[in-house]
Amino acid sequence: MRDSVMWFLVGSVVVSALFVVNVRHQHRLAYLAFQTEESLRDDLNDEWGQLLVESNVWASAQRVEKDASEYLSMRAPLKGEIKYIGEEASADDPSLAGDE
């Protein structure tokens, strides 16, 4: 009886030790995958920041105006070329009321 209890306890300790080794190995693998994903996330965050900066550069008013005049031959209208239309414009400025 005493020997069977002893063998049961020894077997339990060995099985527990094997489970601990297996769990630690699985934990290491999961942590390595986590670090890989974290590194990928950091790279994507860096790329997103660069894209935001680039977007702001391309969308700046000066850049749009420069590209419009350079590539599309556009220019800002002269003061005499601007026409106001609508009721609000004629109500604000009586000199424009007869232009309609």
N, C-alpha and C. Protein backbone atom coordinates (compact mmCIF):
# COMPACT_ATOMS: atom_id res chain seq x y z
N MET A 1 0.82 -1.19 0.00
CA MET A 1 0.00 0.00 0.00
C MET A 1 0.87 1.26 0.00
N ARG A 2 1.88 1.23 0.84
CA ARG A 2 2.74 2.38 0.95
C ARG A 2 3.50 2.61 -0.36
N ASP A 3 3.93 1.55 -1.00
CA ASP A 3 4.67 1.66 -2.26
C ASP A 3 3.77 2.20 -3.38
N SER A 4 2.52 1.77 -3.39
CA SER A 4 1.62 2.25 -4.46
C SER A 4 1.33 3.75 -4.30
N VAL A 5 1.22 4.21 -3.07
CA VAL A 5 1.02 5.64 -2.83
C VAL A 5 2.26 6.41 -3.26
N MET A 6 3.43 5.83 -2.93
CA MET A 6 4.69 6.47 -3.30
C MET A 6 4.82 6.57 -4.82
N TRP A 7 4.51 5.52 -5.54
CA TRP A 7 4.60 5.52 -7.01
C TRP A 7 3.56 6.48 -7.62
N PHE A 8 2.41 6.53 -6.99
CA PHE A 8 1.40 7.48 -7.47
C PHE A 8 1.89 8.92 -7.32
N LEU A 9 2.50 9.24 -6.19
CA LEU A 9 3.01 10.59 -5.96
C LEU A 9 4.17 10.91 -6.91
N VAL A 10 5.06 9.96 -7.13
CA VAL A 10 6.19 10.17 -8.04
C VAL A 10 5.66 10.37 -9.47
N GLY A 11 4.71 9.58 -9.87
CA GLY A 11 4.12 9.72 -11.20
C GLY A 11 3.43 11.06 -11.35
N SER A 12 2.73 11.48 -10.31
CA SER A 12 2.06 12.78 -10.35
C SER A 12 3.06 13.92 -10.49
N VAL A 13 4.18 13.84 -9.78
CA VAL A 13 5.21 14.87 -9.86
C VAL A 13 5.81 14.91 -11.26
N VAL A 14 6.09 13.75 -11.85
CA VAL A 14 6.67 13.69 -13.20
C VAL A 14 5.69 14.26 -14.23
N VAL A 15 4.43 13.87 -14.14
CA VAL A 15 3.42 14.38 -15.07
C VAL A 15 3.26 15.90 -14.90
N SER A 16 3.24 16.37 -13.66
CA SER A 16 3.15 17.81 -13.41
C SER A 16 4.35 18.54 -14.00
N ALA A 17 5.53 17.98 -13.83
CA ALA A 17 6.74 18.60 -14.38
C ALA A 17 6.66 18.68 -15.90
N LEU A 18 6.19 17.62 -16.55
CA LEU A 18 6.05 17.64 -18.01
C LEU A 18 5.04 18.69 -18.44
N PHE A 19 3.95 18.83 -17.73
CA PHE A 19 2.96 19.87 -18.06
C PHE A 19 3.55 21.27 -17.89
N VAL A 20 4.34 21.47 -16.83
CA VAL A 20 4.96 22.77 -16.61
C VAL A 20 5.91 23.11 -17.76
N VAL A 21 6.71 22.13 -18.19
CA VAL A 21 7.62 22.35 -19.32
C VAL A 21 6.84 22.69 -20.57
N ASN A 22 5.76 21.98 -20.84
CA ASN A 22 4.94 22.22 -22.02
C ASN A 22 4.30 23.61 -21.97
N VAL A 23 3.77 23.98 -20.83
CA VAL A 23 3.12 25.29 -20.69
C VAL A 23 4.15 26.41 -20.86
N ARG A 24 5.33 26.27 -20.30
CA ARG A 24 6.37 27.29 -20.46
C ARG A 24 6.79 27.43 -21.92
N HIS A 25 6.89 26.30 -22.62
CA HIS A 25 7.24 26.33 -24.04
C HIS A 25 6.15 27.05 -24.85
N GLN A 26 4.89 26.74 -24.59
CA GLN A 26 3.78 27.40 -25.28
C GLN A 26 3.77 28.91 -24.97
N HIS A 27 4.08 29.25 -23.73
CA HIS A 27 4.14 30.66 -23.35
C HIS A 27 5.23 31.38 -24.11
N ARG A 28 6.39 30.76 -24.24
CA ARG A 28 7.49 31.38 -25.00
C ARG A 28 7.10 31.58 -26.46
N LEU A 29 6.46 30.60 -27.05
CA LEU A 29 6.02 30.74 -28.44
C LEU A 29 5.00 31.86 -28.59
N ALA A 30 4.06 31.93 -27.66
CA ALA A 30 3.04 32.98 -27.72
C ALA A 30 3.67 34.35 -27.52
N TYR A 31 4.64 34.47 -26.63
CA TYR A 31 5.29 35.75 -26.38
C TYR A 31 6.10 36.19 -27.60
N LEU A 32 6.75 35.23 -28.26
CA LEU A 32 7.49 35.56 -29.48
C LEU A 32 6.53 36.06 -30.56
N ALA A 33 5.39 35.43 -30.72
CA ALA A 33 4.39 35.89 -31.69
C ALA A 33 3.88 37.28 -31.30
N PHE A 34 3.68 37.51 -30.02
CA PHE A 34 3.24 38.82 -29.54
C PHE A 34 4.25 39.90 -29.87
N GLN A 35 5.54 39.62 -29.63
CA GLN A 35 6.58 40.60 -29.93
C GLN A 35 6.65 40.89 -31.43
N THR A 36 6.46 39.87 -32.25
CA THR A 36 6.48 40.06 -33.69
C THR A 36 5.33 40.97 -34.11
N GLU A 37 4.13 40.73 -33.58
CA GLU A 37 2.98 41.57 -33.91
C GLU A 37 3.15 42.99 -33.38
N GLU A 38 3.75 43.13 -32.22
CA GLU A 38 4.00 44.45 -31.66
C GLU A 38 4.98 45.23 -32.54
N SER A 39 6.00 44.56 -33.04
CA SER A 39 6.95 45.20 -33.94
C SER A 39 6.27 45.62 -35.24
N LEU A 40 5.41 44.77 -35.76
CA LEU A 40 4.65 45.12 -36.97
C LEU A 40 3.75 46.32 -36.72
N ARG A 41 3.09 46.35 -35.56
CA ARG A 41 2.25 47.49 -35.21
C ARG A 41 3.05 48.78 -35.16
N ASP A 42 4.23 48.74 -34.56
CA ASP A 42 5.07 49.93 -34.47
C ASP A 42 5.49 50.40 -35.86
N ASP A 43 5.85 49.46 -36.75
CA ASP A 43 6.21 49.83 -38.12
C ASP A 43 5.04 50.48 -38.85
N LEU A 44 3.85 49.92 -38.66
CA LEU A 44 2.67 50.49 -39.31
C LEU A 44 2.33 51.87 -38.75
N ASN A 45 2.52 52.08 -37.45
CA ASN A 45 2.29 53.39 -36.85
C ASN A 45 3.27 54.43 -37.41
N ASP A 46 4.54 54.02 -37.59
CA ASP A 46 5.52 54.92 -38.18
C ASP A 46 5.12 55.29 -39.60
N GLU A 47 4.72 54.29 -40.38
CA GLU A 47 4.31 54.55 -41.76
C GLU A 47 3.08 55.46 -41.80
N TRP A 48 2.13 55.25 -40.90
CA TRP A 48 0.93 56.09 -40.85
C TRP A 48 1.30 57.54 -40.54
N GLY A 49 2.22 57.74 -39.61
CA GLY A 49 2.66 59.09 -39.29
C GLY A 49 3.31 59.77 -40.49
N GLN A 50 4.12 59.02 -41.22
CA GLN A 50 4.76 59.58 -42.41
C GLN A 50 3.71 59.92 -43.47
N LEU A 51 2.71 59.08 -43.62
CA LEU A 51 1.65 59.36 -44.59
C LEU A 51 0.85 60.60 -44.21
N LEU A 52 0.61 60.79 -42.92
CA LEU A 52 -0.10 62.00 -42.47
C LEU A 52 0.70 63.26 -42.77
N VAL A 53 2.00 63.19 -42.52
CA VAL A 53 2.85 64.35 -42.81
C VAL A 53 2.84 64.62 -44.31
N GLU A 54 2.99 63.57 -45.11
CA GLU A 54 2.99 63.74 -46.56
C GLU A 54 1.64 64.29 -47.04
N SER A 55 0.56 63.81 -46.47
CA SER A 55 -0.76 64.30 -46.85
C SER A 55 -0.91 65.78 -46.53
N ASN A 56 -0.42 66.19 -45.37
CA ASN A 56 -0.49 67.60 -45.00
C ASN A 56 0.35 68.47 -45.93
N VAL A 57 1.49 67.95 -46.37
CA VAL A 57 2.33 68.72 -47.29
C VAL A 57 1.63 68.88 -48.63
N TRP A 58 1.05 67.79 -49.14
CA TRP A 58 0.40 67.86 -50.45
C TRP A 58 -0.88 68.68 -50.41
N ALA A 59 -1.53 68.76 -49.26
CA ALA A 59 -2.81 69.46 -49.17
C ALA A 59 -2.68 70.90 -48.68
N SER A 60 -1.46 71.35 -48.46
CA SER A 60 -1.31 72.73 -47.98
C SER A 60 -1.76 73.71 -49.07
N ALA A 61 -2.28 74.84 -48.64
CA ALA A 61 -2.83 75.83 -49.58
C ALA A 61 -1.76 76.32 -50.55
N GLN A 62 -0.56 76.54 -50.06
CA GLN A 62 0.50 77.02 -50.93
C GLN A 62 0.85 75.99 -51.99
N ARG A 63 0.88 74.72 -51.60
CA ARG A 63 1.21 73.66 -52.56
C ARG A 63 0.12 73.53 -53.62
N VAL A 64 -1.14 73.60 -53.20
CA VAL A 64 -2.25 73.50 -54.15
C VAL A 64 -2.21 74.68 -55.12
N GLU A 65 -1.99 75.87 -54.59
CA GLU A 65 -1.94 77.06 -55.45
C GLU A 65 -0.77 76.98 -56.43
N LYS A 66 0.39 76.55 -55.95
CA LYS A 66 1.56 76.43 -56.82
C LYS A 66 1.32 75.41 -57.92
N ASP A 67 0.78 74.24 -57.57
CA ASP A 67 0.52 73.21 -58.58
C ASP A 67 -0.57 73.64 -59.56
N ALA A 68 -1.59 74.34 -59.07
CA ALA A 68 -2.67 74.80 -59.95
C ALA A 68 -2.14 75.80 -60.96
N SER A 69 -1.30 76.71 -60.53
CA SER A 69 -0.77 77.70 -61.47
C SER A 69 0.28 77.09 -62.39
N GLU A 70 1.08 76.17 -61.87
CA GLU A 70 2.17 75.60 -62.66
C GLU A 70 1.68 74.57 -63.67
N TYR A 71 0.86 73.64 -63.23
CA TYR A 71 0.47 72.52 -64.09
C TYR A 71 -0.85 72.76 -64.84
N LEU A 72 -1.73 73.56 -64.27
CA LEU A 72 -3.05 73.75 -64.87
C LEU A 72 -3.24 75.16 -65.42
N SER A 73 -2.24 75.99 -65.32
CA SER A 73 -2.30 77.38 -65.79
C SER A 73 -3.49 78.13 -65.18
N MET A 74 -3.76 77.89 -63.92
CA MET A 74 -4.85 78.57 -63.23
C MET A 74 -4.27 79.78 -62.50
N ARG A 75 -5.13 80.75 -62.22
CA ARG A 75 -4.72 81.92 -61.45
C ARG A 75 -5.90 82.37 -60.61
N ALA A 76 -5.60 83.18 -59.63
CA ALA A 76 -6.65 83.75 -58.78
C ALA A 76 -7.38 84.82 -59.60
N PRO A 77 -8.69 84.96 -59.45
CA PRO A 77 -9.42 85.97 -60.22
C PRO A 77 -9.05 87.38 -59.75
N LEU A 78 -9.08 88.30 -60.70
CA LEU A 78 -8.85 89.70 -60.36
C LEU A 78 -10.09 90.25 -59.68
N LYS A 79 -9.95 91.39 -59.02
CA LYS A 79 -11.07 91.94 -58.26
C LYS A 79 -12.26 92.26 -59.15
N GLY A 80 -12.03 92.71 -60.35
CA GLY A 80 -13.12 93.04 -61.27
C GLY A 80 -13.81 91.82 -61.86
N GLU A 81 -13.16 90.66 -61.80
CA GLU A 81 -13.73 89.44 -62.37
C GLU A 81 -14.67 88.72 -61.40
N ILE A 82 -14.71 89.16 -60.18
CA ILE A 82 -15.54 88.49 -59.16
C ILE A 82 -16.96 89.02 -59.25
N LYS A 83 -17.93 88.16 -59.39
CA LYS A 83 -19.35 88.53 -59.46
C LYS A 83 -20.06 87.93 -58.24
N TYR A 84 -20.85 88.72 -57.58
CA TYR A 84 -21.65 88.26 -56.45
C TYR A 84 -23.06 88.01 -56.93
N ILE A 85 -23.62 86.87 -56.57
CA ILE A 85 -24.98 86.55 -56.97
C ILE A 85 -25.79 86.16 -55.74
N GLY A 86 -27.08 86.25 -55.85
CA GLY A 86 -27.95 85.85 -54.75
C GLY A 86 -28.52 87.04 -54.03
N GLU A 87 -29.53 86.78 -53.20
CA GLU A 87 -30.22 87.85 -52.49
C GLU A 87 -29.35 88.46 -51.41
N GLU A 88 -28.55 87.63 -50.73
CA GLU A 88 -27.73 88.14 -49.65
C GLU A 88 -26.72 89.14 -50.16
N ALA A 89 -26.13 88.90 -51.32
CA ALA A 89 -25.13 89.81 -51.86
C ALA A 89 -25.76 91.13 -52.25
N SER A 90 -26.94 91.12 -52.88
CA SER A 90 -27.58 92.37 -53.30
C SER A 90 -28.13 93.13 -52.10
N ALA A 91 -28.53 92.46 -51.04
CA ALA A 91 -29.03 93.14 -49.85
C ALA A 91 -27.89 93.81 -49.09
N ASP A 92 -26.70 93.20 -49.12
CA ASP A 92 -25.57 93.77 -48.41
C ASP A 92 -24.98 94.97 -49.13
N ASP A 93 -24.94 94.93 -50.47
CA ASP A 93 -24.30 95.98 -51.25
C ASP A 93 -25.29 96.52 -52.27
N PRO A 94 -25.87 97.69 -52.07
CA PRO A 94 -26.88 98.21 -52.99
C PRO A 94 -26.33 98.50 -54.39
N SER A 95 -25.03 98.68 -54.52
CA SER A 95 -24.49 98.97 -55.86
C SER A 95 -24.53 97.73 -56.74
N LEU A 96 -24.65 96.53 -56.18
CA LEU A 96 -24.69 95.30 -56.96
C LEU A 96 -26.12 94.88 -57.28
N ALA A 97 -27.12 95.58 -56.75
CA ALA A 97 -28.53 95.19 -56.93
C ALA A 97 -28.94 95.28 -58.38
N GLY A 98 -28.43 96.23 -59.17
CA GLY A 98 -28.85 96.39 -60.55
C GLY A 98 -28.11 95.47 -61.50
N ASP A 99 -27.10 94.67 -61.05
CA ASP A 99 -26.29 93.83 -61.93
C ASP A 99 -27.02 92.57 -62.37
N GLU A 100 -28.10 92.20 -61.74
CA GLU A 100 -28.73 90.91 -62.02
C GLU A 100 -29.39 90.90 -63.32
